[in-house]
N, C-alpha and C. Protein backbone atom coordinates (compact mmCIF):
# COMPACT_ATOMS: atom_id res chain seq x y z
N MET A 1 -8.71 -1.25 12.88
CA MET A 1 -8.20 -1.57 11.53
C MET A 1 -6.76 -1.08 11.43
N SER A 2 -5.86 -1.94 11.03
CA SER A 2 -4.46 -1.58 10.95
C SER A 2 -4.19 -0.77 9.69
N ALA A 3 -3.04 -0.09 9.68
CA ALA A 3 -2.67 0.71 8.50
C ALA A 3 -2.54 -0.16 7.27
N ARG A 4 -2.00 -1.38 7.43
CA ARG A 4 -1.86 -2.29 6.29
C ARG A 4 -3.21 -2.72 5.74
N GLU A 5 -4.20 -2.97 6.63
CA GLU A 5 -5.53 -3.34 6.18
C GLU A 5 -6.20 -2.19 5.44
N ILE A 6 -5.98 -0.96 5.92
CA ILE A 6 -6.56 0.20 5.24
C ILE A 6 -5.96 0.36 3.86
N GLN A 7 -4.66 0.16 3.73
CA GLN A 7 -4.02 0.24 2.41
C GLN A 7 -4.56 -0.83 1.48
N ASP A 8 -4.78 -2.04 2.01
CA ASP A 8 -5.33 -3.13 1.19
C ASP A 8 -6.73 -2.76 0.69
N GLU A 9 -7.56 -2.16 1.56
CA GLU A 9 -8.91 -1.79 1.15
C GLU A 9 -8.87 -0.70 0.08
N LYS A 10 -7.95 0.25 0.23
CA LYS A 10 -7.82 1.28 -0.79
C LYS A 10 -7.42 0.67 -2.13
N ALA A 11 -6.51 -0.27 -2.10
CA ALA A 11 -6.07 -0.93 -3.33
C ALA A 11 -7.20 -1.71 -3.97
N ILE A 12 -8.00 -2.39 -3.13
CA ILE A 12 -9.13 -3.17 -3.66
C ILE A 12 -10.17 -2.25 -4.28
N ALA A 13 -10.47 -1.12 -3.61
CA ALA A 13 -11.45 -0.18 -4.14
C ALA A 13 -11.00 0.37 -5.49
N SER A 14 -9.72 0.71 -5.60
CA SER A 14 -9.19 1.21 -6.87
C SER A 14 -9.29 0.17 -7.96
N GLU A 15 -8.94 -1.06 -7.63
CA GLU A 15 -8.97 -2.14 -8.62
C GLU A 15 -10.39 -2.42 -9.09
N MET A 16 -11.37 -2.36 -8.16
CA MET A 16 -12.76 -2.59 -8.54
C MET A 16 -13.24 -1.52 -9.50
N PHE A 17 -12.83 -0.27 -9.26
CA PHE A 17 -13.24 0.80 -10.15
C PHE A 17 -12.64 0.61 -11.54
N VAL A 18 -11.36 0.27 -11.60
CA VAL A 18 -10.70 0.06 -12.89
C VAL A 18 -11.35 -1.08 -13.65
N GLN A 19 -11.65 -2.16 -12.95
CA GLN A 19 -12.28 -3.32 -13.60
C GLN A 19 -13.67 -2.98 -14.12
N GLN A 20 -14.43 -2.21 -13.33
CA GLN A 20 -15.77 -1.85 -13.76
C GLN A 20 -15.74 -0.96 -14.98
N ALA A 21 -14.83 0.03 -14.96
CA ALA A 21 -14.72 0.91 -16.12
C ALA A 21 -14.32 0.14 -17.37
N ALA A 22 -13.37 -0.80 -17.22
CA ALA A 22 -12.94 -1.61 -18.36
C ALA A 22 -14.07 -2.48 -18.88
N ARG A 23 -14.88 -3.01 -17.97
CA ARG A 23 -15.99 -3.88 -18.37
C ARG A 23 -17.04 -3.09 -19.16
N VAL A 24 -17.33 -1.87 -18.69
CA VAL A 24 -18.31 -1.03 -19.39
C VAL A 24 -17.80 -0.66 -20.77
N ASN A 25 -16.51 -0.30 -20.85
CA ASN A 25 -15.92 0.03 -22.16
C ASN A 25 -15.99 -1.15 -23.11
N ALA A 26 -15.71 -2.35 -22.57
CA ALA A 26 -15.73 -3.55 -23.41
C ALA A 26 -17.13 -3.83 -23.93
N GLU A 27 -18.14 -3.63 -23.04
CA GLU A 27 -19.51 -3.89 -23.45
C GLU A 27 -19.95 -2.94 -24.56
N VAL A 28 -19.53 -1.67 -24.43
CA VAL A 28 -19.91 -0.70 -25.45
C VAL A 28 -19.19 -0.97 -26.76
N SER A 29 -17.89 -1.29 -26.69
CA SER A 29 -17.10 -1.48 -27.90
C SER A 29 -17.49 -2.74 -28.65
N THR A 30 -18.01 -3.75 -27.96
CA THR A 30 -18.37 -5.01 -28.61
C THR A 30 -19.85 -5.08 -28.97
N SER A 31 -20.57 -3.97 -28.77
CA SER A 31 -21.99 -3.95 -29.09
C SER A 31 -22.20 -4.25 -30.57
N PRO A 32 -23.13 -5.15 -30.92
CA PRO A 32 -23.35 -5.50 -32.33
C PRO A 32 -23.87 -4.32 -33.14
N LEU A 33 -24.38 -3.31 -32.44
CA LEU A 33 -24.92 -2.18 -33.19
C LEU A 33 -23.82 -1.39 -33.88
N ARG A 34 -22.59 -1.45 -33.35
CA ARG A 34 -21.49 -0.71 -33.98
C ARG A 34 -21.20 -1.25 -35.38
N GLY A 35 -21.37 -2.53 -35.55
CA GLY A 35 -21.04 -3.11 -36.84
C GLY A 35 -22.25 -3.26 -37.75
N ALA A 36 -23.39 -2.76 -37.34
CA ALA A 36 -24.60 -2.93 -38.13
C ALA A 36 -24.55 -2.07 -39.38
N THR A 37 -25.05 -2.61 -40.48
CA THR A 37 -25.13 -1.85 -41.74
C THR A 37 -26.55 -1.92 -42.25
N ILE A 38 -26.95 -0.93 -43.00
CA ILE A 38 -28.30 -0.86 -43.56
C ILE A 38 -28.18 -0.92 -45.07
N CYS A 39 -28.98 -1.74 -45.72
CA CYS A 39 -28.95 -1.89 -47.17
C CYS A 39 -29.42 -0.60 -47.83
N SER A 40 -29.02 -0.42 -49.07
CA SER A 40 -29.37 0.79 -49.79
C SER A 40 -30.87 0.86 -50.05
N THR A 41 -31.50 -0.28 -50.20
CA THR A 41 -32.94 -0.31 -50.40
C THR A 41 -33.58 -0.51 -49.04
N LYS A 42 -34.23 0.53 -48.54
CA LYS A 42 -34.75 0.50 -47.20
C LYS A 42 -36.26 0.65 -47.22
N SER A 43 -36.89 -0.15 -46.43
CA SER A 43 -38.32 0.02 -46.21
C SER A 43 -38.51 0.96 -45.04
N ARG A 44 -39.76 1.32 -44.75
CA ARG A 44 -40.02 2.16 -43.58
C ARG A 44 -39.54 1.48 -42.33
N ARG A 45 -39.69 0.16 -42.27
CA ARG A 45 -39.23 -0.59 -41.09
C ARG A 45 -37.71 -0.51 -40.97
N ASP A 46 -36.99 -0.54 -42.14
CA ASP A 46 -35.53 -0.45 -42.11
C ASP A 46 -35.09 0.90 -41.55
N TYR A 47 -35.77 2.00 -42.02
CA TYR A 47 -35.42 3.31 -41.51
C TYR A 47 -35.68 3.41 -40.00
N THR A 48 -36.77 2.79 -39.59
CA THR A 48 -37.09 2.81 -38.16
C THR A 48 -36.02 2.09 -37.35
N LEU A 49 -35.58 0.93 -37.87
CA LEU A 49 -34.54 0.17 -37.18
C LEU A 49 -33.24 0.95 -37.14
N GLU A 50 -32.89 1.60 -38.27
CA GLU A 50 -31.65 2.35 -38.32
C GLU A 50 -31.69 3.53 -37.35
N SER A 51 -32.82 4.22 -37.33
CA SER A 51 -32.96 5.35 -36.43
C SER A 51 -32.86 4.91 -34.98
N THR A 52 -33.54 3.80 -34.68
CA THR A 52 -33.49 3.28 -33.31
C THR A 52 -32.06 2.87 -32.93
N ALA A 53 -31.35 2.23 -33.88
CA ALA A 53 -29.98 1.81 -33.63
C ALA A 53 -29.09 3.01 -33.38
N ASP A 54 -29.25 4.08 -34.19
CA ASP A 54 -28.44 5.27 -34.00
C ASP A 54 -28.69 5.90 -32.64
N GLU A 55 -29.98 5.96 -32.28
CA GLU A 55 -30.31 6.56 -30.98
C GLU A 55 -29.72 5.74 -29.84
N PHE A 56 -29.82 4.42 -29.98
CA PHE A 56 -29.30 3.55 -28.92
C PHE A 56 -27.78 3.66 -28.82
N ARG A 57 -27.14 3.71 -30.02
CA ARG A 57 -25.69 3.81 -30.05
C ARG A 57 -25.22 5.13 -29.42
N GLU A 58 -25.91 6.21 -29.73
CA GLU A 58 -25.55 7.51 -29.15
C GLU A 58 -25.78 7.51 -27.65
N ALA A 59 -26.88 6.92 -27.23
CA ALA A 59 -27.18 6.86 -25.79
C ALA A 59 -26.15 6.03 -25.05
N ALA A 60 -25.73 4.91 -25.69
CA ALA A 60 -24.74 4.04 -25.05
C ALA A 60 -23.41 4.76 -24.88
N ASN A 61 -23.02 5.53 -25.92
CA ASN A 61 -21.74 6.22 -25.85
C ASN A 61 -21.76 7.34 -24.81
N THR A 62 -22.85 8.12 -24.79
CA THR A 62 -22.90 9.26 -23.88
C THR A 62 -23.21 8.84 -22.45
N SER A 63 -23.94 7.75 -22.29
CA SER A 63 -24.30 7.33 -20.93
C SER A 63 -23.11 6.76 -20.18
N LEU A 64 -22.06 6.42 -20.91
CA LEU A 64 -20.88 5.85 -20.26
C LEU A 64 -20.21 6.87 -19.35
N LEU A 65 -20.20 8.15 -19.77
CA LEU A 65 -19.50 9.17 -19.00
C LEU A 65 -20.10 9.42 -17.63
N PRO A 66 -21.42 9.64 -17.52
CA PRO A 66 -21.96 9.85 -16.18
C PRO A 66 -21.80 8.65 -15.27
N VAL A 67 -21.83 7.43 -15.86
CA VAL A 67 -21.63 6.24 -15.04
C VAL A 67 -20.24 6.27 -14.42
N ILE A 68 -19.23 6.58 -15.23
CA ILE A 68 -17.86 6.63 -14.73
C ILE A 68 -17.69 7.77 -13.74
N ARG A 69 -18.36 8.93 -14.01
CA ARG A 69 -18.24 10.05 -13.09
C ARG A 69 -18.80 9.70 -11.72
N VAL A 70 -19.95 9.03 -11.72
CA VAL A 70 -20.56 8.64 -10.45
C VAL A 70 -19.67 7.67 -9.70
N ASP A 71 -19.15 6.66 -10.43
CA ASP A 71 -18.29 5.67 -9.80
C ASP A 71 -17.01 6.32 -9.27
N ALA A 72 -16.44 7.26 -10.04
CA ALA A 72 -15.23 7.93 -9.60
C ALA A 72 -15.50 8.74 -8.34
N ALA A 73 -16.67 9.40 -8.29
CA ALA A 73 -17.01 10.18 -7.11
C ALA A 73 -17.14 9.27 -5.88
N ASN A 74 -17.79 8.13 -6.08
CA ASN A 74 -17.93 7.18 -4.97
C ASN A 74 -16.57 6.66 -4.52
N LEU A 75 -15.71 6.37 -5.49
CA LEU A 75 -14.38 5.86 -5.16
C LEU A 75 -13.58 6.89 -4.38
N MET A 76 -13.62 8.14 -4.83
CA MET A 76 -12.87 9.18 -4.14
C MET A 76 -13.39 9.39 -2.72
N ARG A 77 -14.71 9.28 -2.56
CA ARG A 77 -15.27 9.43 -1.22
C ARG A 77 -14.80 8.31 -0.29
N VAL A 78 -14.76 7.07 -0.83
CA VAL A 78 -14.29 5.94 -0.05
C VAL A 78 -12.83 6.11 0.33
N LEU A 79 -12.01 6.54 -0.64
CA LEU A 79 -10.58 6.72 -0.37
C LEU A 79 -10.35 7.81 0.68
N ARG A 80 -11.14 8.89 0.61
CA ARG A 80 -10.99 9.95 1.62
C ARG A 80 -11.36 9.44 3.01
N GLN A 81 -12.42 8.61 3.06
CA GLN A 81 -12.82 8.05 4.35
C GLN A 81 -11.75 7.13 4.90
N LEU A 82 -11.13 6.34 4.01
CA LEU A 82 -10.07 5.45 4.46
C LEU A 82 -8.86 6.23 4.96
N GLU A 83 -8.54 7.33 4.28
CA GLU A 83 -7.41 8.14 4.72
C GLU A 83 -7.67 8.77 6.09
N VAL A 84 -8.91 9.23 6.29
CA VAL A 84 -9.26 9.80 7.59
C VAL A 84 -9.17 8.73 8.66
N THR A 85 -9.68 7.53 8.33
CA THR A 85 -9.62 6.43 9.30
C THR A 85 -8.18 6.05 9.61
N ALA A 86 -7.34 6.05 8.56
CA ALA A 86 -5.93 5.70 8.77
C ALA A 86 -5.26 6.68 9.71
N LYS A 87 -5.55 7.99 9.54
CA LYS A 87 -4.94 8.97 10.42
C LYS A 87 -5.47 8.86 11.84
N ARG A 88 -6.78 8.57 11.94
CA ARG A 88 -7.38 8.49 13.27
C ARG A 88 -6.92 7.23 14.00
N GLN A 89 -6.71 6.15 13.26
CA GLN A 89 -6.37 4.88 13.87
C GLN A 89 -4.92 4.48 13.61
N ALA A 90 -4.06 5.45 13.36
CA ALA A 90 -2.64 5.15 13.16
C ALA A 90 -2.12 4.42 14.39
N PRO A 91 -1.48 3.27 14.19
CA PRO A 91 -1.03 2.48 15.35
C PRO A 91 -0.02 3.24 16.19
N ARG A 92 -0.21 3.16 17.51
CA ARG A 92 0.69 3.82 18.44
C ARG A 92 1.10 2.82 19.52
N ILE A 93 2.21 3.10 20.13
CA ILE A 93 2.72 2.26 21.20
C ILE A 93 2.68 3.06 22.49
N ALA A 94 2.25 2.41 23.56
CA ALA A 94 2.19 3.06 24.87
C ALA A 94 3.23 2.42 25.78
N PHE A 95 3.93 3.24 26.54
CA PHE A 95 4.95 2.72 27.44
C PHE A 95 5.17 3.71 28.58
N LYS A 96 5.70 3.21 29.68
CA LYS A 96 5.94 4.05 30.84
C LYS A 96 7.37 4.56 30.81
N ALA A 97 7.53 5.84 31.04
CA ALA A 97 8.85 6.47 31.06
C ALA A 97 8.84 7.59 32.09
N LYS A 98 9.73 7.50 33.06
CA LYS A 98 9.88 8.52 34.09
C LYS A 98 8.56 8.80 34.81
N GLY A 99 7.87 7.73 35.14
CA GLY A 99 6.65 7.86 35.91
C GLY A 99 5.43 8.29 35.11
N ARG A 100 5.59 8.42 33.80
CA ARG A 100 4.46 8.81 32.95
C ARG A 100 4.24 7.75 31.89
N ILE A 101 3.02 7.70 31.35
CA ILE A 101 2.72 6.82 30.22
C ILE A 101 2.73 7.65 28.95
N LEU A 102 3.64 7.32 28.07
CA LEU A 102 3.79 8.07 26.82
C LEU A 102 3.18 7.28 25.67
N LEU A 103 2.68 8.01 24.69
CA LEU A 103 2.13 7.42 23.47
C LEU A 103 2.97 7.91 22.30
N LEU A 104 3.40 6.96 21.46
CA LEU A 104 4.28 7.30 20.34
C LEU A 104 3.79 6.60 19.08
N ASP A 105 3.67 7.36 18.00
CA ASP A 105 3.29 6.77 16.72
C ASP A 105 4.37 5.79 16.27
N LEU A 106 3.94 4.59 15.87
CA LEU A 106 4.91 3.60 15.42
C LEU A 106 5.67 4.07 14.18
N ALA A 107 5.00 4.87 13.36
CA ALA A 107 5.66 5.37 12.15
C ALA A 107 6.85 6.26 12.47
N ASP A 108 6.87 6.82 13.69
CA ASP A 108 7.97 7.71 14.07
C ASP A 108 9.18 6.95 14.61
N ILE A 109 8.99 5.66 14.91
CA ILE A 109 10.09 4.87 15.45
C ILE A 109 10.94 4.34 14.30
N LEU A 110 12.20 4.68 14.28
CA LEU A 110 13.10 4.23 13.23
C LEU A 110 13.67 2.85 13.53
N ALA A 111 13.98 2.60 14.78
CA ALA A 111 14.59 1.33 15.16
C ALA A 111 14.35 1.06 16.64
N VAL A 112 14.51 -0.19 17.01
CA VAL A 112 14.45 -0.62 18.41
C VAL A 112 15.71 -1.43 18.66
N GLN A 113 16.42 -1.09 19.72
CA GLN A 113 17.71 -1.74 19.99
C GLN A 113 17.75 -2.26 21.42
N ALA A 114 18.28 -3.47 21.56
CA ALA A 114 18.39 -4.08 22.89
C ALA A 114 19.49 -3.40 23.69
N GLU A 115 19.20 -3.17 24.97
CA GLU A 115 20.20 -2.62 25.89
C GLU A 115 20.04 -3.33 27.23
N GLY A 116 20.73 -4.45 27.37
CA GLY A 116 20.60 -5.26 28.59
C GLY A 116 19.22 -5.85 28.70
N ASN A 117 18.54 -5.61 29.83
CA ASN A 117 17.18 -6.11 30.03
C ASN A 117 16.13 -5.14 29.50
N TYR A 118 16.57 -4.13 28.79
CA TYR A 118 15.67 -3.12 28.24
C TYR A 118 15.79 -3.08 26.72
N VAL A 119 14.82 -2.38 26.11
CA VAL A 119 14.94 -2.04 24.69
C VAL A 119 14.85 -0.53 24.58
N SER A 120 15.58 0.00 23.62
CA SER A 120 15.58 1.44 23.39
C SER A 120 14.75 1.74 22.14
N LEU A 121 13.67 2.48 22.32
CA LEU A 121 12.85 2.92 21.19
C LEU A 121 13.50 4.18 20.63
N ARG A 122 13.76 4.18 19.33
CA ARG A 122 14.54 5.28 18.76
C ARG A 122 13.80 6.00 17.63
N PRO A 123 13.12 7.08 17.99
CA PRO A 123 12.61 7.98 16.96
C PRO A 123 13.76 8.81 16.43
N ARG A 124 13.45 9.83 15.62
CA ARG A 124 14.52 10.68 15.08
C ARG A 124 15.20 11.47 16.18
N THR A 125 14.42 11.88 17.17
CA THR A 125 15.00 12.61 18.30
C THR A 125 14.72 11.84 19.58
N ASN A 126 15.59 11.98 20.54
CA ASN A 126 15.46 11.31 21.84
C ASN A 126 15.52 9.78 21.67
N SER A 127 15.37 9.09 22.78
CA SER A 127 15.22 7.63 22.81
C SER A 127 14.57 7.29 24.14
N TYR A 128 13.87 6.16 24.15
CA TYR A 128 13.13 5.79 25.35
C TYR A 128 13.45 4.35 25.72
N LEU A 129 13.74 4.12 26.99
CA LEU A 129 14.03 2.78 27.48
C LEU A 129 12.76 2.13 28.01
N VAL A 130 12.52 0.92 27.58
CA VAL A 130 11.35 0.16 28.01
C VAL A 130 11.82 -1.18 28.53
N HIS A 131 11.28 -1.58 29.66
CA HIS A 131 11.69 -2.85 30.28
C HIS A 131 10.97 -4.01 29.60
N GLU A 132 11.57 -4.50 28.52
CA GLU A 132 11.00 -5.62 27.76
C GLU A 132 12.10 -6.22 26.90
N SER A 133 11.97 -7.50 26.60
CA SER A 133 12.98 -8.16 25.78
C SER A 133 12.80 -7.77 24.31
N LEU A 134 13.89 -7.82 23.57
CA LEU A 134 13.82 -7.49 22.15
C LEU A 134 12.98 -8.51 21.38
N SER A 135 13.09 -9.79 21.76
CA SER A 135 12.31 -10.83 21.08
C SER A 135 10.81 -10.57 21.22
N SER A 136 10.39 -10.21 22.42
CA SER A 136 8.98 -9.90 22.65
C SER A 136 8.55 -8.67 21.87
N MET A 137 9.39 -7.65 21.88
CA MET A 137 9.07 -6.42 21.15
C MET A 137 9.02 -6.67 19.65
N ALA A 138 9.94 -7.49 19.14
CA ALA A 138 9.97 -7.79 17.71
C ALA A 138 8.68 -8.47 17.26
N GLU A 139 8.15 -9.38 18.07
CA GLU A 139 6.91 -10.07 17.73
C GLU A 139 5.73 -9.11 17.72
N LYS A 140 5.71 -8.18 18.68
CA LYS A 140 4.61 -7.21 18.74
C LYS A 140 4.65 -6.24 17.56
N LEU A 141 5.85 -5.89 17.12
CA LEU A 141 5.99 -4.90 16.06
C LEU A 141 5.95 -5.49 14.65
N LYS A 142 6.12 -6.79 14.53
CA LYS A 142 6.18 -7.42 13.21
C LYS A 142 4.97 -7.11 12.33
N PRO A 143 3.73 -7.15 12.83
CA PRO A 143 2.58 -6.85 11.96
C PRO A 143 2.54 -5.41 11.47
N TYR A 144 3.36 -4.55 12.05
CA TYR A 144 3.33 -3.13 11.69
C TYR A 144 4.54 -2.72 10.84
N GLY A 145 5.21 -3.69 10.23
CA GLY A 145 6.28 -3.36 9.29
C GLY A 145 7.66 -3.22 9.90
N PHE A 146 7.91 -3.92 10.99
CA PHE A 146 9.25 -3.92 11.60
C PHE A 146 9.89 -5.29 11.37
N ILE A 147 11.18 -5.29 11.06
CA ILE A 147 11.89 -6.54 10.82
C ILE A 147 13.14 -6.60 11.70
N ARG A 148 13.53 -7.79 12.05
CA ARG A 148 14.75 -7.96 12.83
C ARG A 148 15.93 -8.13 11.88
N ILE A 149 16.99 -7.36 12.12
CA ILE A 149 18.16 -7.43 11.25
C ILE A 149 19.41 -7.88 12.00
N HIS A 150 19.28 -7.99 13.31
CA HIS A 150 20.43 -8.32 14.16
C HIS A 150 19.85 -8.87 15.45
N ARG A 151 20.64 -9.63 16.18
CA ARG A 151 20.12 -10.18 17.43
C ARG A 151 19.75 -9.08 18.43
N SER A 152 20.23 -7.86 18.19
CA SER A 152 19.94 -6.77 19.11
C SER A 152 19.27 -5.57 18.44
N VAL A 153 18.82 -5.72 17.17
CA VAL A 153 18.24 -4.58 16.46
C VAL A 153 17.01 -4.98 15.65
N VAL A 154 15.98 -4.17 15.74
CA VAL A 154 14.79 -4.26 14.90
C VAL A 154 14.60 -2.90 14.24
N VAL A 155 14.28 -2.88 12.95
CA VAL A 155 14.11 -1.60 12.26
C VAL A 155 12.73 -1.50 11.62
N ASN A 156 12.31 -0.26 11.44
CA ASN A 156 11.07 0.04 10.73
C ASN A 156 11.38 0.05 9.23
N ILE A 157 10.75 -0.84 8.47
CA ILE A 157 11.11 -0.94 7.05
C ILE A 157 10.79 0.34 6.27
N SER A 158 9.81 1.11 6.72
CA SER A 158 9.49 2.36 6.02
C SER A 158 10.54 3.43 6.26
N ALA A 159 11.43 3.21 7.22
CA ALA A 159 12.47 4.19 7.53
C ALA A 159 13.78 3.88 6.82
N VAL A 160 13.88 2.72 6.18
CA VAL A 160 15.13 2.32 5.53
C VAL A 160 15.31 3.09 4.22
N GLU A 161 16.47 3.67 4.05
CA GLU A 161 16.75 4.46 2.84
C GLU A 161 17.83 3.84 1.96
N GLU A 162 18.70 3.02 2.53
CA GLU A 162 19.81 2.49 1.72
C GLU A 162 20.32 1.19 2.32
N ILE A 163 20.72 0.27 1.43
CA ILE A 163 21.32 -1.00 1.85
C ILE A 163 22.62 -1.19 1.08
N GLN A 164 23.68 -1.54 1.79
CA GLN A 164 24.98 -1.75 1.14
C GLN A 164 25.48 -3.16 1.44
N PRO A 165 25.64 -3.99 0.40
CA PRO A 165 26.20 -5.34 0.62
C PRO A 165 27.66 -5.24 1.03
N LEU A 166 28.06 -6.12 1.93
CA LEU A 166 29.45 -6.15 2.41
C LEU A 166 30.13 -7.44 1.95
N PRO A 167 31.44 -7.44 1.82
CA PRO A 167 32.18 -8.64 1.37
C PRO A 167 31.97 -9.85 2.29
N THR A 168 31.59 -9.61 3.52
CA THR A 168 31.41 -10.69 4.49
C THR A 168 30.10 -11.44 4.30
N GLY A 169 29.25 -10.97 3.37
CA GLY A 169 27.93 -11.57 3.21
C GLY A 169 26.88 -10.88 4.06
N GLU A 170 27.30 -9.88 4.81
CA GLU A 170 26.38 -9.09 5.62
C GLU A 170 26.01 -7.82 4.85
N TYR A 171 25.17 -7.00 5.47
CA TYR A 171 24.73 -5.77 4.82
C TYR A 171 24.82 -4.61 5.82
N ARG A 172 25.05 -3.43 5.29
CA ARG A 172 24.96 -2.22 6.10
C ARG A 172 23.70 -1.49 5.67
N LEU A 173 22.88 -1.16 6.65
CA LEU A 173 21.58 -0.57 6.38
C LEU A 173 21.51 0.83 6.99
N ARG A 174 21.05 1.80 6.21
CA ARG A 174 20.94 3.17 6.69
C ARG A 174 19.48 3.58 6.75
N VAL A 175 19.08 4.19 7.88
CA VAL A 175 17.70 4.65 8.05
C VAL A 175 17.65 6.17 7.95
N LYS A 176 16.46 6.72 7.96
CA LYS A 176 16.29 8.17 7.89
C LYS A 176 17.05 8.84 9.04
N GLY A 177 17.72 9.90 8.72
CA GLY A 177 18.51 10.59 9.72
C GLY A 177 19.97 10.21 9.67
N GLY A 178 20.32 9.13 8.91
CA GLY A 178 21.72 8.77 8.71
C GLY A 178 22.26 7.66 9.59
N LYS A 179 21.48 7.20 10.58
CA LYS A 179 21.96 6.13 11.45
C LYS A 179 22.10 4.84 10.65
N GLU A 180 23.22 4.11 10.89
CA GLU A 180 23.49 2.87 10.18
C GLU A 180 23.48 1.68 11.14
N TYR A 181 23.02 0.54 10.61
CA TYR A 181 22.96 -0.69 11.38
C TYR A 181 23.52 -1.83 10.53
N LEU A 182 24.06 -2.83 11.21
CA LEU A 182 24.58 -4.01 10.53
C LEU A 182 23.49 -5.07 10.44
N VAL A 183 23.33 -5.63 9.23
CA VAL A 183 22.40 -6.74 9.02
C VAL A 183 23.23 -8.02 8.96
N THR A 184 23.10 -8.87 9.94
CA THR A 184 23.90 -10.10 9.98
C THR A 184 23.32 -11.15 9.04
N ARG A 185 24.12 -12.14 8.71
CA ARG A 185 23.69 -13.18 7.79
C ARG A 185 22.51 -13.98 8.33
N THR A 186 22.39 -14.07 9.64
CA THR A 186 21.28 -14.81 10.24
C THR A 186 19.93 -14.19 9.89
N TYR A 187 19.91 -12.87 9.78
CA TYR A 187 18.64 -12.17 9.57
C TYR A 187 18.52 -11.51 8.20
N LYS A 188 19.48 -11.73 7.31
CA LYS A 188 19.45 -11.00 6.04
C LYS A 188 18.25 -11.39 5.16
N HIS A 189 17.68 -12.59 5.39
CA HIS A 189 16.51 -12.98 4.60
C HIS A 189 15.32 -12.05 4.86
N ASN A 190 15.31 -11.37 6.01
CA ASN A 190 14.23 -10.44 6.31
C ASN A 190 14.24 -9.20 5.42
N LEU A 191 15.37 -8.96 4.76
CA LEU A 191 15.47 -7.80 3.88
C LEU A 191 14.52 -7.90 2.70
N ARG A 192 14.06 -9.10 2.39
CA ARG A 192 13.13 -9.27 1.28
C ARG A 192 11.82 -8.54 1.52
N ASP A 193 11.51 -8.25 2.79
CA ASP A 193 10.27 -7.56 3.12
C ASP A 193 10.37 -6.05 2.97
N LEU A 194 11.54 -5.55 2.60
CA LEU A 194 11.74 -4.11 2.54
C LEU A 194 10.95 -3.45 1.42
N ALA A 195 10.73 -4.15 0.31
CA ALA A 195 10.04 -3.55 -0.82
C ALA A 195 9.06 -4.54 -1.43
N GLN A 196 7.91 -4.02 -1.87
CA GLN A 196 6.92 -4.86 -2.55
C GLN A 196 7.22 -4.98 -4.04
N LEU A 197 8.09 -4.13 -4.54
CA LEU A 197 8.39 -4.13 -5.97
C LEU A 197 9.88 -3.94 -6.18
N TRP A 198 10.47 -4.84 -6.97
CA TRP A 198 11.88 -4.71 -7.34
C TRP A 198 11.97 -4.49 -8.84
N VAL A 199 12.85 -3.60 -9.26
CA VAL A 199 13.06 -3.36 -10.69
C VAL A 199 14.50 -3.68 -11.04
N GLY A 200 14.73 -4.02 -12.29
CA GLY A 200 16.06 -4.43 -12.70
C GLY A 200 16.32 -5.89 -12.37
N SER A 201 17.56 -6.32 -12.57
CA SER A 201 17.91 -7.72 -12.39
C SER A 201 18.42 -8.03 -11.00
N GLU A 202 18.73 -7.01 -10.20
CA GLU A 202 19.30 -7.23 -8.88
C GLU A 202 18.21 -7.68 -7.89
N ARG A 203 18.58 -8.58 -7.01
CA ARG A 203 17.68 -9.03 -5.96
C ARG A 203 18.47 -9.19 -4.68
N LEU A 204 17.82 -8.98 -3.55
CA LEU A 204 18.47 -9.19 -2.27
C LEU A 204 18.36 -10.65 -1.86
N CYS A 205 19.40 -11.15 -1.30
CA CYS A 205 19.39 -12.50 -0.73
C CYS A 205 18.93 -13.54 -1.74
N GLY A 206 19.38 -13.45 -2.94
CA GLY A 206 19.03 -14.44 -3.96
C GLY A 206 17.64 -14.24 -4.49
């Protein structure tokens, strides 16, 4: 299960809980017993009905809390399990370097840059050369939140901290640690994938 799939499941679980709680609240609030009135002249049957209605109304109001508590407990348990699964199954990349096979968390890679017939994997510290084309690497990394911004650069979108528009129609992009990369006009449309939510009137690339 990929990190994106785990996040989607967490979002779905949260949404289901919110919808269920809202539905229960709606059912209680629209109950006809809330609006029921009893005439001043009451028979024994009227008193019985009123008493039964009061008991039912009280039970409906108080029973809502344990239902929500149970659902919340189940939801929290599911979310904790998903978080554990996400940590255990965090996507990693394996590659050979200096006669050894190294494993590196994809989340730690800030960018990948072409260097001749190799690509350079660039975490915050060090860098690793891998004998593979950038195009091939870009396709492999795309499902994990990497975008191509230049014919020789791919970046991890979660590592991007700042984007600066340039007069040329290009962009300057800064990642964690302060390293900057140029986003050419050919690939600037990929910047739309940087954020799931935009606020204000400004938008990237139209």
